[in-house]
Amino acid sequence: MLKNIDPALNADVLHALRSMGHGDTVVVSDTNFPSDSIARQTVLGKLLRIDNVSAARAIKAILSVMPLDTPLQPSAGRMEIMGAPDEIPPVQQEVQAVIDSAEGKPAPMYGIERFAFYEEAKKAYCVITTGENRFYGCFLFTKGVIPPEAV
């Protein structure tokens, strides 16, 4: 155990998040996403795991150490429901609440069409799969910066 580090964050995930730079993206996926095959095409080239927790719980842990990018560009994306792109299922509502809490203000997610999400995921720095078993529990986050006075 480490002080002030969420216990859901394992060494591999921490290393990847620390290695990412400003503008790099991370995919957090549910159990139905083709995580392994997509992860092999990412910068890291291997799948990372935060097992046995929901997407919201994993994202809470990730956002406890990773800043999101500025409001000048979208920094949190969600996979859209096929045929209902504006519908926000409970899993995405829970994640939205986690994002808003981490940011200390509303920070709405943008939608990404399912197949476009797969293509964006291949360009990510890494993929982290969770124990989330609800459909459309897939998200894309862009890493921001920490200003010098905040370090």
Protein backbone atom coordinates (compact mmCIF):
# COMPACT_ATOMS: atom_id res chain seq x y z
CA MET A 1 0.00 0.00 0.00
CA LEU A 2 1.02 3.57 -0.63
CA LYS A 3 -0.21 6.62 1.20
CA ASN A 4 -2.70 8.81 -0.66
CA ILE A 5 -2.86 6.41 -3.64
CA ASP A 6 -6.21 4.78 -4.35
CA PRO A 7 -5.78 1.02 -3.73
CA ALA A 8 -7.61 0.26 -7.00
CA LEU A 9 -4.56 1.60 -8.87
CA ASN A 10 -2.04 -1.18 -9.42
CA ALA A 11 1.60 -0.69 -10.38
CA ASP A 12 1.04 -1.22 -14.13
CA VAL A 13 -1.80 1.31 -14.27
CA LEU A 14 0.15 3.87 -12.23
CA HIS A 15 3.17 3.47 -14.49
CA ALA A 16 1.07 3.98 -17.62
CA LEU A 17 -0.75 7.03 -16.24
CA ARG A 18 2.56 8.57 -15.15
CA SER A 19 4.16 7.82 -18.54
CA MET A 20 1.37 9.51 -20.50
CA GLY A 21 1.92 13.09 -21.59
CA HIS A 22 -0.39 16.04 -22.17
CA GLY A 23 -2.88 15.16 -24.89
CA ASP A 24 -2.42 11.40 -24.61
CA THR A 25 -5.62 9.41 -24.19
CA VAL A 26 -6.61 6.46 -22.04
CA VAL A 27 -9.54 4.13 -22.68
CA VAL A 28 -11.46 2.73 -19.72
CA SER A 29 -13.60 -0.14 -20.92
CA ASP A 30 -16.31 -2.53 -19.82
CA THR A 31 -16.02 -6.31 -19.96
CA ASN A 32 -17.64 -6.56 -23.41
CA PHE A 33 -15.21 -4.22 -25.19
CA PRO A 34 -12.58 -5.96 -27.36
CA SER A 35 -9.99 -4.72 -24.88
CA ASP A 36 -7.11 -7.09 -25.59
CA SER A 37 -7.17 -6.79 -29.38
CA ILE A 38 -7.56 -3.00 -29.25
CA ALA A 39 -4.89 -2.65 -26.54
CA ARG A 40 -2.34 -4.43 -28.75
CA GLN A 41 -2.68 -1.54 -31.24
CA THR A 42 -2.17 1.25 -28.67
CA VAL A 43 1.07 3.02 -27.80
CA LEU A 44 1.59 0.80 -24.74
CA GLY A 45 0.71 -2.32 -26.72
CA LYS A 46 -0.72 -4.39 -23.87
CA LEU A 47 -3.92 -4.53 -21.87
CA LEU A 48 -4.07 -3.09 -18.36
CA ARG A 49 -6.67 -4.11 -15.79
CA ILE A 50 -8.54 -2.74 -12.81
CA ASP A 51 -10.53 -5.88 -12.10
CA ASN A 52 -13.66 -6.45 -10.07
CA VAL A 53 -14.82 -2.83 -9.92
CA SER A 54 -17.34 -0.77 -11.84
CA ALA A 55 -16.32 1.73 -14.48
CA ALA A 56 -17.22 4.58 -12.12
CA ARG A 57 -15.02 3.17 -9.35
CA ALA A 58 -12.06 2.65 -11.70
CA ILE A 59 -12.44 6.15 -13.15
CA LYS A 60 -12.63 7.65 -9.67
CA ALA A 61 -9.26 6.05 -8.93
CA ILE A 62 -7.75 7.16 -12.24
CA LEU A 63 -8.95 10.76 -11.89
CA SER A 64 -7.53 10.89 -8.36
CA VAL A 65 -4.07 11.04 -9.97
CA MET A 66 -4.61 12.10 -13.60
CA PRO A 67 -5.67 15.62 -14.60
CA LEU A 68 -8.14 16.00 -17.43
CA ASP A 69 -7.29 18.35 -20.27
CA THR A 70 -8.47 21.95 -20.23
CA PRO A 71 -12.00 22.97 -21.17
CA LEU A 72 -10.58 24.27 -24.45
CA GLN A 73 -10.99 20.80 -25.91
CA PRO A 74 -13.13 17.79 -25.05
CA SER A 75 -11.38 15.63 -22.46
CA ALA A 76 -13.95 12.98 -21.48
CA GLY A 77 -15.78 10.93 -24.07
CA ARG A 78 -18.36 8.16 -23.85
CA MET A 79 -19.38 5.47 -26.30
CA GLU A 80 -22.79 6.38 -27.75
CA ILE A 81 -25.64 3.89 -27.71
CA MET A 82 -26.30 2.61 -31.21
CA GLY A 83 -29.55 4.11 -32.47
CA ALA A 84 -29.88 6.40 -29.43
CA PRO A 85 -26.76 8.59 -29.33
CA ASP A 86 -28.25 11.14 -26.92
CA GLU A 87 -29.40 8.55 -24.38
CA ILE A 88 -27.25 8.45 -21.24
CA PRO A 89 -27.53 5.05 -19.51
CA PRO A 90 -26.99 4.67 -15.73
CA VAL A 91 -23.36 3.55 -16.11
CA GLN A 92 -22.57 6.78 -17.98
CA GLN A 93 -24.56 8.88 -15.51
CA GLU A 94 -22.47 7.42 -12.67
CA VAL A 95 -19.24 8.18 -14.51
CA GLN A 96 -20.42 11.71 -15.27
CA ALA A 97 -20.94 12.27 -11.53
CA VAL A 98 -17.38 11.02 -10.86
CA ILE A 99 -15.95 13.36 -13.51
CA ASP A 100 -17.89 16.35 -12.16
CA SER A 101 -16.68 15.57 -8.63
CA ALA A 102 -13.05 15.20 -9.73
CA GLU A 103 -13.22 18.47 -11.68
CA GLY A 104 -15.17 20.33 -8.99
CA LYS A 105 -17.65 21.53 -11.61
CA PRO A 106 -19.79 20.14 -14.43
CA ALA A 107 -17.60 18.73 -17.19
CA PRO A 108 -19.97 17.09 -19.68
CA MET A 109 -18.78 14.12 -21.67
CA TYR A 110 -18.99 14.15 -25.44
CA GLY A 111 -20.42 11.24 -27.39
CA ILE A 112 -18.43 9.04 -29.75
CA GLU A 113 -20.23 6.74 -32.19
CA ARG A 114 -19.46 3.07 -31.39
CA PHE A 115 -17.27 2.24 -34.38
CA ALA A 116 -15.53 5.63 -34.25
CA PHE A 117 -14.81 4.85 -30.58
CA TYR A 118 -13.01 1.64 -31.61
CA GLU A 119 -10.85 3.61 -34.05
CA GLU A 120 -10.05 6.31 -31.47
CA ALA A 121 -9.22 3.61 -28.92
CA LYS A 122 -6.56 2.17 -31.22
CA LYS A 123 -4.81 5.57 -31.15
CA ALA A 124 -4.86 5.76 -27.33
CA TYR A 125 -1.84 5.47 -25.10
CA CYS A 126 -3.44 2.50 -23.33
CA VAL A 127 -6.61 0.56 -22.57
CA ILE A 128 -7.66 -0.25 -19.00
CA THR A 129 -10.42 -2.82 -18.70
CA THR A 130 -12.65 -2.94 -15.63
CA GLY A 131 -15.15 -5.35 -14.13
CA GLU A 132 -18.02 -3.24 -15.51
CA ASN A 133 -20.58 -5.61 -17.01
CA ARG A 134 -23.20 -3.09 -18.13
CA PHE A 135 -23.32 -2.18 -21.82
CA TYR A 136 -21.77 1.11 -22.99
CA GLY A 137 -19.40 1.37 -20.04
CA CYS A 138 -16.59 2.56 -22.31
CA PHE A 139 -14.87 5.93 -21.96
CA LEU A 140 -11.98 7.92 -23.42
CA PHE A 141 -10.05 10.47 -21.35
CA THR A 142 -7.46 13.02 -22.49
CA LYS A 143 -4.68 13.78 -20.05
CA GLY A 144 -4.15 17.40 -19.10
CA VAL A 145 -1.42 19.19 -17.22
CA ILE A 146 -0.67 20.11 -13.63
CA PRO A 147 0.44 23.73 -13.29
CA PRO A 148 3.78 24.32 -11.49
CA GLU A 149 2.11 25.98 -8.49
CA ALA A 150 -0.05 22.87 -7.92
CA VAL A 151 2.89 20.44 -7.62
